[in-house]
Amino acid sequence: MAGRGANDPNRGMRYRTCLRNTILEACRLRPNWKETESDTDWDICWADVPWMREHFDSLQLDVHQRINHFRNHYELTRKDLMVKNLKRAKKQLEREDRASEAAN
């Protein structure tokens, strides 16, 4: 994709979305933004969670590509899981004799 002029500011923005809602309308209204059906040839991919679960492990993003989710995003957005992860990190710091960092 880099060979196709990814750094060319005049080529416009290519986006991919599996959603047919406000996101699609907002992208269509942007000048020089073009929708693509390609699974790999895009600059921005706005995906839903099921699409991410199906494709993310096999996806290799180019430097210029952006996506709206990351793997296990719910680990941060759900408070119960975030607390679990913070407690785990604190225990890890304490095991590594970094108690002062764990106290913060």
PDB file of N, CA and C in Angstrom:
ATOM      1  N   MET A   1       0.802  -1.185   0.000  1.00  0.00           N
ATOM      2  CA  MET A   1       0.000   0.000   0.000  1.00  0.00           C
ATOM      3  C   MET A   1       0.848   1.253   0.000  1.00  0.00           C
ATOM      4  N   ALA A   2       2.012   1.195   0.618  1.00  0.00           N
ATOM      5  CA  ALA A   2       2.885   2.360   0.613  1.00  0.00           C
ATOM      6  C   ALA A   2       3.300   2.705  -0.805  1.00  0.00           C
ATOM      7  N   GLY A   3       3.419   1.705  -1.661  1.00  0.00           N
ATOM      8  CA  GLY A   3       3.789   1.926  -3.045  1.00  0.00           C
ATOM      9  C   GLY A   3       2.688   2.569  -3.854  1.00  0.00           C
ATOM     10  N   ARG A   4       1.494   2.618  -3.319  1.00  0.00           N
ATOM     11  CA  ARG A   4       0.361   3.183  -4.029  1.00  0.00           C
ATOM     12  C   ARG A   4       0.155   4.645  -3.697  1.00  0.00           C
ATOM     13  N   GLY A   5       1.133   5.274  -3.099  1.00  0.00           N
ATOM     14  CA  GLY A   5       1.044   6.704  -2.824  1.00  0.00           C
ATOM     15  C   GLY A   5       0.395   7.040  -1.501  1.00  0.00           C
ATOM     16  N   ALA A   6       0.623   6.230  -0.488  1.00  0.00           N
ATOM     17  CA  ALA A   6       0.013   6.468   0.820  1.00  0.00           C
ATOM     18  C   ALA A   6       0.411   7.815   1.398  1.00  0.00           C
ATOM     19  N   ASN A   7       1.576   8.331   1.033  1.00  0.00           N
ATOM     20  CA  ASN A   7       2.046   9.618   1.554  1.00  0.00           C
ATOM     21  C   ASN A   7       1.652  10.792   0.669  1.00  0.00           C
ATOM     22  N   ASP A   8       0.974  10.547  -0.424  1.00  0.00           N
ATOM     23  CA  ASP A   8       0.553  11.601  -1.338  1.00  0.00           C
ATOM     24  C   ASP A   8      -0.652  12.339  -0.748  1.00  0.00           C
ATOM     25  N   PRO A   9      -0.498  13.610  -0.350  1.00  0.00           N
ATOM     26  CA  PRO A   9      -1.595  14.332   0.298  1.00  0.00           C
ATOM     27  C   PRO A   9      -2.768  14.613  -0.634  1.00  0.00           C
ATOM     28  N   ASN A  10      -2.588  14.482  -1.948  1.00  0.00           N
ATOM     29  CA  ASN A  10      -3.644  14.797  -2.904  1.00  0.00           C
ATOM     30  C   ASN A  10      -4.499  13.594  -3.289  1.00  0.00           C
ATOM     31  N   ARG A  11      -4.172  12.425  -2.784  1.00  0.00           N
ATOM     32  CA  ARG A  11      -4.891  11.242  -3.251  1.00  0.00           C
ATOM     33  C   ARG A  11      -6.223  11.025  -2.548  1.00  0.00           C
ATOM     34  N   GLY A  12      -6.483  11.720  -1.474  1.00  0.00           N
ATOM     35  CA  GLY A  12      -7.734  11.538  -0.747  1.00  0.00           C
ATOM     36  C   GLY A  12      -7.619  10.444   0.301  1.00  0.00           C
ATOM     37  N   MET A  13      -8.670  10.279   1.052  1.00  0.00           N
ATOM     38  CA  MET A  13      -8.705   9.306   2.142  1.00  0.00           C
ATOM     39  C   MET A  13      -9.586   8.139   1.731  1.00  0.00           C
ATOM     40  N   ARG A  14      -9.072   6.931   1.895  1.00  0.00           N
ATOM     41  CA  ARG A  14      -9.853   5.731   1.616  1.00  0.00           C
ATOM     42  C   ARG A  14     -10.305   5.143   2.945  1.00  0.00           C
ATOM     43  N   TYR A  15     -11.590   4.889   3.070  1.00  0.00           N
ATOM     44  CA  TYR A  15     -12.108   4.337   4.314  1.00  0.00           C
ATOM     45  C   TYR A  15     -12.901   3.068   4.031  1.00  0.00           C
ATOM     46  N   ARG A  16     -12.976   2.247   5.045  1.00  0.00           N
ATOM     47  CA  ARG A  16     -13.757   1.017   4.984  1.00  0.00           C
ATOM     48  C   ARG A  16     -14.587   0.953   6.255  1.00  0.00           C
ATOM     49  N   THR A  17     -15.850   0.588   6.110  1.00  0.00           N
ATOM     50  CA  THR A  17     -16.706   0.395   7.278  1.00  0.00           C
ATOM     51  C   THR A  17     -17.722  -0.689   6.987  1.00  0.00           C
ATOM     52  N   CYS A  18     -18.017  -1.483   7.979  1.00  0.00           N
ATOM     53  CA  CYS A  18     -19.060  -2.496   7.845  1.00  0.00           C
ATOM     54  C   CYS A  18     -20.368  -1.975   8.435  1.00  0.00           C
ATOM     55  N   LEU A  19     -20.336  -0.770   8.962  1.00  0.00           N
ATOM     56  CA  LEU A  19     -21.515  -0.164   9.580  1.00  0.00           C
ATOM     57  C   LEU A  19     -22.266   0.676   8.558  1.00  0.00           C
ATOM     58  N   ARG A  20     -23.558   0.676   8.633  1.00  0.00           N
ATOM     59  CA  ARG A  20     -24.390   1.480   7.740  1.00  0.00           C
ATOM     60  C   ARG A  20     -25.219   2.430   8.592  1.00  0.00           C
ATOM     61  N   ASN A  21     -24.531   3.359   9.223  1.00  0.00           N
ATOM     62  CA  ASN A  21     -25.199   4.279  10.139  1.00  0.00           C
ATOM     63  C   ASN A  21     -24.563   5.652  10.022  1.00  0.00           C
ATOM     64  N   THR A  22     -24.534   6.387  11.102  1.00  0.00           N
ATOM     65  CA  THR A  22     -23.999   7.745  11.123  1.00  0.00           C
ATOM     66  C   THR A  22     -22.543   7.794  10.679  1.00  0.00           C
ATOM     67  N   ILE A  23     -21.769   6.770  11.018  1.00  0.00           N
ATOM     68  CA  ILE A  23     -20.354   6.732  10.623  1.00  0.00           C
ATOM     69  C   ILE A  23     -20.228   6.786   9.111  1.00  0.00           C
ATOM     70  N   LEU A  24     -21.011   5.969   8.418  1.00  0.00           N
ATOM     71  CA  LEU A  24     -20.964   5.949   6.956  1.00  0.00           C
ATOM     72  C   LEU A  24     -21.374   7.300   6.390  1.00  0.00           C
ATOM     73  N   GLU A  25     -22.429   7.880   6.908  1.00  0.00           N
ATOM     74  CA  GLU A  25     -22.876   9.187   6.422  1.00  0.00           C
ATOM     75  C   GLU A  25     -21.820  10.263   6.650  1.00  0.00           C
ATOM     76  N   ALA A  26     -21.191  10.259   7.816  1.00  0.00           N
ATOM     77  CA  ALA A  26     -20.151  11.251   8.114  1.00  0.00           C
ATOM     78  C   ALA A  26     -18.973  11.105   7.159  1.00  0.00           C
ATOM     79  N   CYS A  27     -18.589   9.888   6.862  1.00  0.00           N
ATOM     80  CA  CYS A  27     -17.466   9.664   5.935  1.00  0.00           C
ATOM     81  C   CYS A  27     -17.831  10.093   4.522  1.00  0.00           C
ATOM     82  N   ARG A  28     -19.054   9.804   4.100  1.00  0.00           N
ATOM     83  CA  ARG A  28     -19.486  10.172   2.743  1.00  0.00           C
ATOM     84  C   ARG A  28     -19.533  11.689   2.542  1.00  0.00           C
ATOM     85  N   LEU A  29     -19.775  12.428   3.607  1.00  0.00           N
ATOM     86  CA  LEU A  29     -19.871  13.883   3.498  1.00  0.00           C
ATOM     87  C   LEU A  29     -18.510  14.577   3.442  1.00  0.00           C
ATOM     88  N   ARG A  30     -17.445  13.871   3.770  1.00  0.00           N
ATOM     89  CA  ARG A  30     -16.104  14.463   3.779  1.00  0.00           C
ATOM     90  C   ARG A  30     -15.588  14.579   2.347  1.00  0.00           C
ATOM     91  N   PRO A  31     -15.061  15.735   1.962  1.00  0.00           N
ATOM     92  CA  PRO A  31     -14.507  15.864   0.612  1.00  0.00           C
ATOM     93  C   PRO A  31     -13.264  14.988   0.451  1.00  0.00           C
ATOM     94  N   ASN A  32     -13.130  14.387  -0.694  1.00  0.00           N
ATOM     95  CA  ASN A  32     -11.993  13.531  -1.064  1.00  0.00           C
ATOM     96  C   ASN A  32     -11.905  12.240  -0.255  1.00  0.00           C
ATOM     97  N   TRP A  33     -12.961  11.848   0.414  1.00  0.00           N
ATOM     98  CA  TRP A  33     -12.988  10.553   1.102  1.00  0.00           C
ATOM     99  C   TRP A  33     -13.744   9.580   0.214  1.00  0.00           C
ATOM    100  N   LYS A  34     -13.171   8.407   0.014  1.00  0.00           N
ATOM    101  CA  LYS A  34     -13.778   7.408  -0.863  1.00  0.00           C
ATOM    102  C   LYS A  34     -13.909   6.085  -0.118  1.00  0.00           C
ATOM    103  N   GLU A  35     -15.083   5.475  -0.225  1.00  0.00           N
ATOM    104  CA  GLU A  35     -15.291   4.175   0.408  1.00  0.00           C
ATOM    105  C   GLU A  35     -14.656   3.088  -0.448  1.00  0.00           C
ATOM    106  N   THR A  36     -14.055   2.119   0.205  1.00  0.00           N
ATOM    107  CA  THR A  36     -13.480   0.976  -0.494  1.00  0.00           C
ATOM    108  C   THR A  36     -14.021  -0.305   0.123  1.00  0.00           C
ATOM    109  N   GLU A  37     -14.192  -1.319  -0.684  1.00  0.00           N
ATOM    110  CA  GLU A  37     -14.648  -2.626  -0.203  1.00  0.00           C
ATOM    111  C   GLU A  37     -13.471  -3.542   0.095  1.00  0.00           C
ATOM    112  N   SER A  38     -12.272  -3.087  -0.212  1.00  0.00           N
ATOM    113  CA  SER A  38     -11.076  -3.905  -0.023  1.00  0.00           C
ATOM    114  C   SER A  38     -10.844  -4.211   1.454  1.00  0.00           C
ATOM    115  N   ASP A  39     -10.414  -5.427   1.728  1.00  0.00           N
ATOM    116  CA  ASP A  39     -10.088  -5.808   3.102  1.00  0.00           C
ATOM    117  C   ASP A  39      -8.749  -5.245   3.557  1.00  0.00           C
ATOM    118  N   THR A  40      -7.916  -4.808   2.617  1.00  0.00           N
ATOM    119  CA  THR A  40      -6.558  -4.378   2.976  1.00  0.00           C
ATOM    120  C   THR A  40      -6.183  -2.988   2.478  1.00  0.00           C
ATOM    121  N   ASP A  41      -6.835  -2.469   1.472  1.00  0.00           N
ATOM    122  CA  ASP A  41      -6.436  -1.217   0.831  1.00  0.00           C
ATOM    123  C   ASP A  41      -7.297  -0.052   1.322  1.00  0.00           C
ATOM    124  N   TRP A  42      -6.998   0.437   2.532  1.00  0.00           N
ATOM    125  CA  TRP A  42      -7.741   1.537   3.135  1.00  0.00           C
ATOM    126  C   TRP A  42      -6.818   2.313   4.066  1.00  0.00           C
ATOM    127  N   ASP A  43      -7.240   3.524   4.413  1.00  0.00           N
ATOM    128  CA  ASP A  43      -6.498   4.357   5.362  1.00  0.00           C
ATOM    129  C   ASP A  43      -7.137   4.298   6.749  1.00  0.00           C
ATOM    130  N   ILE A  44      -8.468   4.305   6.784  1.00  0.00           N
ATOM    131  CA  ILE A  44      -9.216   4.235   8.035  1.00  0.00           C
ATOM    132  C   ILE A  44     -10.243   3.116   7.918  1.00  0.00           C
ATOM    133  N   CYS A  45     -10.295   2.276   8.932  1.00  0.00           N
ATOM    134  CA  CYS A  45     -11.315   1.222   8.990  1.00  0.00           C
ATOM    135  C   CYS A  45     -12.118   1.423  10.266  1.00  0.00           C
ATOM    136  N   TRP A  46     -13.414   1.665  10.095  1.00  0.00           N
ATOM    137  CA  TRP A  46     -14.301   1.801  11.245  1.00  0.00           C
ATOM    138  C   TRP A  46     -15.082   0.496  11.328  1.00  0.00           C
ATOM    139  N   ALA A  47     -14.729  -0.323  12.291  1.00  0.00           N
ATOM    140  CA  ALA A  47     -15.273  -1.677  12.369  1.00  0.00           C
ATOM    141  C   ALA A  47     -16.077  -1.878  13.639  1.00  0.00           C
ATOM    142  N   ASP A  48     -16.962  -2.856  13.584  1.00  0.00           N
ATOM    143  CA  ASP A  48     -17.662  -3.244  14.802  1.00  0.00           C
ATOM    144  C   ASP A  48     -16.873  -4.355  15.494  1.00  0.00           C
ATOM    145  N   VAL A  49     -17.255  -4.666  16.709  1.00  0.00           N
ATOM    146  CA  VAL A  49     -16.503  -5.629  17.519  1.00  0.00           C
ATOM    147  C   VAL A  49     -16.475  -7.022  16.881  1.00  0.00           C
ATOM    148  N   PRO A  50     -17.595  -7.544  16.348  1.00  0.00           N
ATOM    149  CA  PRO A  50     -17.507  -8.872  15.717  1.00  0.00           C
ATOM    150  C   PRO A  50     -16.514  -8.918  14.549  1.00  0.00           C
ATOM    151  N   TRP A  51     -16.456  -7.851  13.744  1.00  0.00           N
ATOM    152  CA  TRP A  51     -15.488  -7.818  12.637  1.00  0.00           C
ATOM    153  C   TRP A  51     -14.069  -7.851  13.183  1.00  0.00           C
ATOM    154  N   MET A  52     -13.830  -7.096  14.251  1.00  0.00           N
ATOM    155  CA  MET A  52     -12.496  -7.071  14.856  1.00  0.00           C
ATOM    156  C   MET A  52     -12.091  -8.448  15.355  1.00  0.00           C
ATOM    157  N   ARG A  53     -13.001  -9.135  16.015  1.00  0.00           N
ATOM    158  CA  ARG A  53     -12.685 -10.471  16.539  1.00  0.00           C
ATOM    159  C   ARG A  53     -12.347 -11.437  15.417  1.00  0.00           C
ATOM    160  N   GLU A  54     -13.015 -11.281  14.285  1.00  0.00           N
ATOM    161  CA  GLU A  54     -12.796 -12.190  13.161  1.00  0.00           C
ATOM    162  C   GLU A  54     -11.510 -11.881  12.402  1.00  0.00           C
ATOM    163  N   HIS A  55     -11.161 -10.610  12.255  1.00  0.00           N
ATOM    164  CA  HIS A  55     -10.072 -10.219  11.363  1.00  0.00           C
ATOM    165  C   HIS A  55      -8.791  -9.732  12.030  1.00  0.00           C
ATOM    166  N   PHE A  56      -8.860  -9.271  13.276  1.00  0.00           N
ATOM    167  CA  PHE A  56      -7.724  -8.554  13.852  1.00  0.00           C
ATOM    168  C   PHE A  56      -6.451  -9.386  13.930  1.00  0.00           C
ATOM    169  N   ASP A  57      -6.554 -10.649  14.303  1.00  0.00           N
ATOM    170  CA  ASP A  57      -5.349 -11.475  14.451  1.00  0.00           C
ATOM    171  C   ASP A  57      -4.612 -11.683  13.135  1.00  0.00           C
ATOM    172  N   SER A  58      -5.333 -11.678  12.029  1.00  0.00           N
ATOM    173  CA  SER A  58      -4.693 -11.894  10.732  1.00  0.00           C
ATOM    174  C   SER A  58      -4.384 -10.585  10.012  1.00  0.00           C
ATOM    175  N   LEU A  59      -4.676  -9.467  10.640  1.00  0.00           N
ATOM    176  CA  LEU A  59      -4.499  -8.156  10.025  1.00  0.00           C
ATOM    177  C   LEU A  59      -3.113  -7.599  10.320  1.00  0.00           C
ATOM    178  N   GLN A  60      -2.420  -7.168   9.301  1.00  0.00           N
ATOM    179  CA  GLN A  60      -1.122  -6.507   9.453  1.00  0.00           C
ATOM    180  C   GLN A  60      -1.295  -5.074   8.947  1.00  0.00           C
ATOM    181  N   LEU A  61      -1.369  -4.115   9.865  1.00  0.00           N
ATOM    182  CA  LEU A  61      -1.609  -2.726   9.476  1.00  0.00           C
ATOM    183  C   LEU A  61      -0.348  -2.086   8.926  1.00  0.00           C
ATOM    184  N   ASP A  62      -0.520  -1.284   7.877  1.00  0.00           N
ATOM    185  CA  ASP A  62       0.574  -0.449   7.395  1.00  0.00           C
ATOM    186  C   ASP A  62       0.717   0.748   8.334  1.00  0.00           C
ATOM    187  N   VAL A  63       1.810   1.462   8.213  1.00  0.00           N
ATOM    188  CA  VAL A  63       2.095   2.590   9.098  1.00  0.00           C
ATOM    189  C   VAL A  63       0.993   3.649   9.032  1.00  0.00           C
ATOM    190  N   HIS A  64       0.424   3.875   7.860  1.00  0.00           N
ATOM    191  CA  HIS A  64      -0.571   4.935   7.692  1.00  0.00           C
ATOM    192  C   HIS A  64      -1.998   4.494   8.032  1.00  0.00           C
ATOM    193  N   GLN A  65      -2.237   3.233   8.295  1.00  0.00           N
ATOM    194  CA  GLN A  65      -3.586   2.745   8.542  1.00  0.00           C
ATOM    195  C   GLN A  65      -3.999   2.915  10.005  1.00  0.00           C
ATOM    196  N   ARG A  66      -5.281   3.250  10.185  1.00  0.00           N
ATOM    197  CA  ARG A  66      -5.838   3.429  11.520  1.00  0.00           C
ATOM    198  C   ARG A  66      -7.141   2.643  11.616  1.00  0.00           C
ATOM    199  N   ILE A  67      -7.424   2.167  12.820  1.00  0.00           N
ATOM    200  CA  ILE A  67      -8.639   1.397  13.070  1.00  0.00           C
ATOM    201  C   ILE A  67      -9.242   1.874  14.392  1.00  0.00           C
ATOM    202  N   ASN A  68     -10.558   1.786  14.542  1.00  0.00           N
ATOM    203  CA  ASN A  68     -11.219   2.396  15.698  1.00  0.00           C
ATOM    204  C   ASN A  68     -11.242   1.524  16.949  1.00  0.00           C
ATOM    205  N   HIS A  69     -10.801   0.296  16.880  1.00  0.00           N
ATOM    206  CA  HIS A  69     -10.749  -0.583  18.050  1.00  0.00           C
ATOM    207  C   HIS A  69      -9.366  -1.198  18.144  1.00  0.00           C
ATOM    208  N   PHE A  70      -9.048  -1.743  19.283  1.00  0.00           N
ATOM    209  CA  PHE A  70      -7.851  -2.563  19.413  1.00  0.00           C
ATOM    210  C   PHE A  70      -8.247  -3.832  20.149  1.00  0.00           C
ATOM    211  N   ARG A  71      -7.428  -4.825  20.024  1.00  0.00           N
ATOM    212  CA  ARG A  71      -7.750  -6.126  20.615  1.00  0.00           C
ATOM    213  C   ARG A  71      -7.979  -5.984  22.127  1.00  0.00           C
ATOM    214  N   ASN A  72      -9.014  -6.622  22.597  1.00  0.00           N
ATOM    215  CA  ASN A  72      -9.385  -6.622  24.017  1.00  0.00           C
ATOM    216  C   ASN A  72      -9.662  -5.222  24.563  1.00  0.00           C
ATOM    217  N   HIS A  73     -10.196  -4.352  23.747  1.00  0.00           N
ATOM    218  CA  HIS A  73     -10.502  -2.981  24.174  1.00  0.00           C
ATOM    219  C   HIS A  73     -11.409  -2.957  25.394  1.00  0.00           C
ATOM    220  N   TYR A  74     -12.251  -3.952  25.540  1.00  0.00           N
ATOM    221  CA  TYR A  74     -13.182  -4.001  26.665  1.00  0.00           C
ATOM    222  C   TYR A  74     -12.456  -4.155  27.998  1.00  0.00           C
ATOM    223  N   GLU A  75     -11.195  -4.589  27.964  1.00  0.00           N
ATOM    224  CA  GLU A  75     -10.420  -4.700  29.205  1.00  0.00           C
ATOM    225  C   GLU A  75     -10.216  -3.325  29.849  1.00  0.00           C
ATOM    226  N   LEU A  76     -10.273  -2.274  29.074  1.00  0.00           N
ATOM    227  CA  LEU A  76     -10.139  -0.916  29.609  1.00  0.00           C
ATOM    228  C   LEU A  76     -11.481  -0.217  29.772  1.00  0.00           C
ATOM    229  N   THR A  77     -12.428  -0.536  28.919  1.00  0.00           N
ATOM    230  CA  THR A  77     -13.687   0.200  28.941  1.00  0.00           C
ATOM    231  C   THR A  77     -14.691  -0.340  29.947  1.00  0.00           C
ATOM    232  N   ARG A  78     -14.512  -1.565  30.385  1.00  0.00           N
ATOM    233  CA  ARG A  78     -15.369  -2.108  31.445  1.00  0.00           C
ATOM    234  C   ARG A  78     -14.663  -1.925  32.778  1.00  0.00           C
ATOM    235  N   LYS A  79     -15.320  -1.241  33.696  1.00  0.00           N
ATOM    236  CA  LYS A  79     -14.672  -0.889  34.968  1.00  0.00           C
ATOM    237  C   LYS A  79     -14.266  -2.111  35.778  1.00  0.00           C
ATOM    238  N   ASP A  80     -15.085  -3.168  35.764  1.00  0.00           N
ATOM    239  CA  ASP A  80     -14.725  -4.348  36.545  1.00  0.00           C
ATOM    240  C   ASP A  80     -13.449  -4.999  36.015  1.00  0.00           C
ATOM    241  N   LEU A  81     -13.287  -5.031  34.688  1.00  0.00           N
ATOM    242  CA  LEU A  81     -12.077  -5.616  34.105  1.00  0.00           C
ATOM    243  C   LEU A  81     -10.877  -4.690  34.276  1.00  0.00           C
ATOM    244  N   MET A  82     -11.109  -3.383  34.217  1.00  0.00           N
ATOM    245  CA  MET A  82     -10.019  -2.443  34.430  1.00  0.00           C
ATOM    246  C   MET A  82      -9.469  -2.585  35.852  1.00  0.00           C
ATOM    247  N   VAL A  83     -10.353  -2.716  36.831  1.00  0.00           N
ATOM    248  CA  VAL A  83      -9.924  -2.894  38.222  1.00  0.00           C
ATOM    249  C   VAL A  83      -9.120  -4.181  38.362  1.00  0.00           C
ATOM    250  N   LYS A  84      -9.593  -5.248  37.739  1.00  0.00           N
ATOM    251  CA  LYS A  84      -8.878  -6.526  37.783  1.00  0.00           C
ATOM    252  C   LYS A  84      -7.460  -6.366  37.235  1.00  0.00           C
ATOM    253  N   ASN A  85      -7.323  -5.665  36.122  1.00  0.00           N
ATOM    254  CA  ASN A  85      -6.004  -5.475  35.509  1.00  0.00           C
ATOM    255  C   ASN A  85      -5.107  -4.563  36.339  1.00  0.00           C
ATOM    256  N   LEU A  86      -5.686  -3.543  36.964  1.00  0.00           N
ATOM    257  CA  LEU A  86      -4.888  -2.673  37.831  1.00  0.00           C
ATOM    258  C   LEU A  86      -4.376  -3.432  39.052  1.00  0.00           C
ATOM    259  N   LYS A  87      -5.218  -4.288  39.624  1.00  0.00           N
ATOM    260  CA  LYS A  87      -4.780  -5.105  40.763  1.00  0.00           C
ATOM    261  C   LYS A  87      -3.670  -6.066  40.347  1.00  0.00           C
ATOM    262  N   ARG A  88      -3.807  -6.651  39.167  1.00  0.00           N
ATOM    263  CA  ARG A  88      -2.776  -7.559  38.668  1.00  0.00           C
ATOM    264  C   ARG A  88      -1.458  -6.821  38.461  1.00  0.00           C
ATOM    265  N   ALA A  89      -1.519  -5.614  37.920  1.00  0.00           N
ATOM    266  CA  ALA A  89      -0.299  -4.824  37.705  1.00  0.00           C
ATOM    267  C   ALA A  89       0.350  -4.459  39.037  1.00  0.00           C
ATOM    268  N   LYS A  90      -0.464  -4.126  40.027  1.00  0.00           N
ATOM    269  CA  LYS A  90       0.073  -3.784  41.349  1.00  0.00           C
ATOM    270  C   LYS A  90       0.798  -4.976  41.964  1.00  0.00           C
ATOM    271  N   LYS A  91       0.204  -6.158  41.891  1.00  0.00           N
ATOM    272  CA  LYS A  91       0.847  -7.368  42.425  1.00  0.00           C
ATOM    273  C   LYS A  91       2.159  -7.655  41.708  1.00  0.00           C
ATOM    274  N   GLN A  92       2.168  -7.450  40.394  1.00  0.00           N
ATOM    275  CA  GLN A  92       3.387  -7.681  39.615  1.00  0.00           C
ATOM    276  C   GLN A  92       4.495  -6.735  40.065  1.00  0.00           C
ATOM    277  N   LEU A  93       4.175  -5.478  40.275  1.00  0.00           N
ATOM    278  CA  LEU A  93       5.170  -4.515  40.752  1.00  0.00           C
ATOM    279  C   LEU A  93       5.688  -4.896  42.137  1.00  0.00           C
ATOM    280  N   GLU A  94       4.800  -5.340  42.995  1.00  0.00           N
ATOM    281  CA  GLU A  94       5.221  -5.749  44.340  1.00  0.00           C
ATOM    282  C   GLU A  94       6.144  -6.963  44.291  1.00  0.00           C
ATOM    283  N   ARG A  95       5.870  -7.903  43.391  1.00  0.00           N
ATOM    284  CA  ARG A  95       6.740  -9.079  43.244  1.00  0.00           C
ATOM    285  C   ARG A  95       8.119  -8.700  42.736  1.00  0.00           C
ATOM    286  N   GLU A  96       8.186  -7.616  41.978  1.00  0.00           N
ATOM    287  CA  GLU A  96       9.459  -7.150  41.423  1.00  0.00           C
ATOM    288  C   GLU A  96      10.155  -6.164  42.360  1.00  0.00           C
ATOM    289  N   ASP A  97       9.737  -6.116  43.610  1.00  0.00           N
ATOM    290  CA  ASP A  97      10.304  -5.199  44.611  1.00  0.00           C
ATOM    291  C   ASP A  97      10.231  -3.743  44.163  1.00  0.00           C
ATOM    292  N   ARG A  98       9.119  -3.376  43.567  1.00  0.00           N
ATOM    293  CA  ARG A  98       8.883  -1.997  43.138  1.00  0.00           C
ATOM    294  C   ARG A  98       7.633  -1.482  43.851  1.00  0.00           C
ATOM    295  N   ALA A  99       7.604  -1.688  45.167  1.00  0.00           N
ATOM    296  CA  ALA A  99       6.431  -1.348  45.981  1.00  0.00           C
ATOM    297  C   ALA A  99       6.098   0.141  45.930  1.00  0.00           C
ATOM    298  N   SER A 100       7.111   0.994  45.817  1.00  0.00           N
ATOM    299  CA  SER A 100       6.834   2.438  45.771  1.00  0.00           C
ATOM    300  C   SER A 100       6.033   2.790  44.514  1.00  0.00           C
ATOM    301  N   GLU A 101       6.339   2.135  43.398  1.00  0.00           N
ATOM    302  CA  GLU A 101       5.559   2.373  42.176  1.00  0.00           C
ATOM    303  C   GLU A 101       4.155   1.810  42.318  1.00  0.00           C
ATOM    304  N   ALA A 102       4.034   0.660  42.978  1.00  0.00           N
ATOM    305  CA  ALA A 102       2.726   0.035  43.167  1.00  0.00           C
ATOM    306  C   ALA A 102       1.829   0.891  44.056  1.00  0.00           C
ATOM    307  N   ALA A 103       2.422   1.653  44.978  1.00  0.00           N
ATOM    308  CA  ALA A 103       1.638   2.492  45.890  1.00  0.00           C
ATOM    309  C   ALA A 103       1.001   3.668  45.166  1.00  0.00           C
ATOM    310  N   ASN A 104       1.573   4.068  44.051  1.00  0.00           N
ATOM    311  CA  ASN A 104       1.029   5.201  43.294  1.00  0.00           C
ATOM    312  C   ASN A 104      -0.119   4.708  42.497  1.00  0.00           C
TER     313      ASN A 104
END
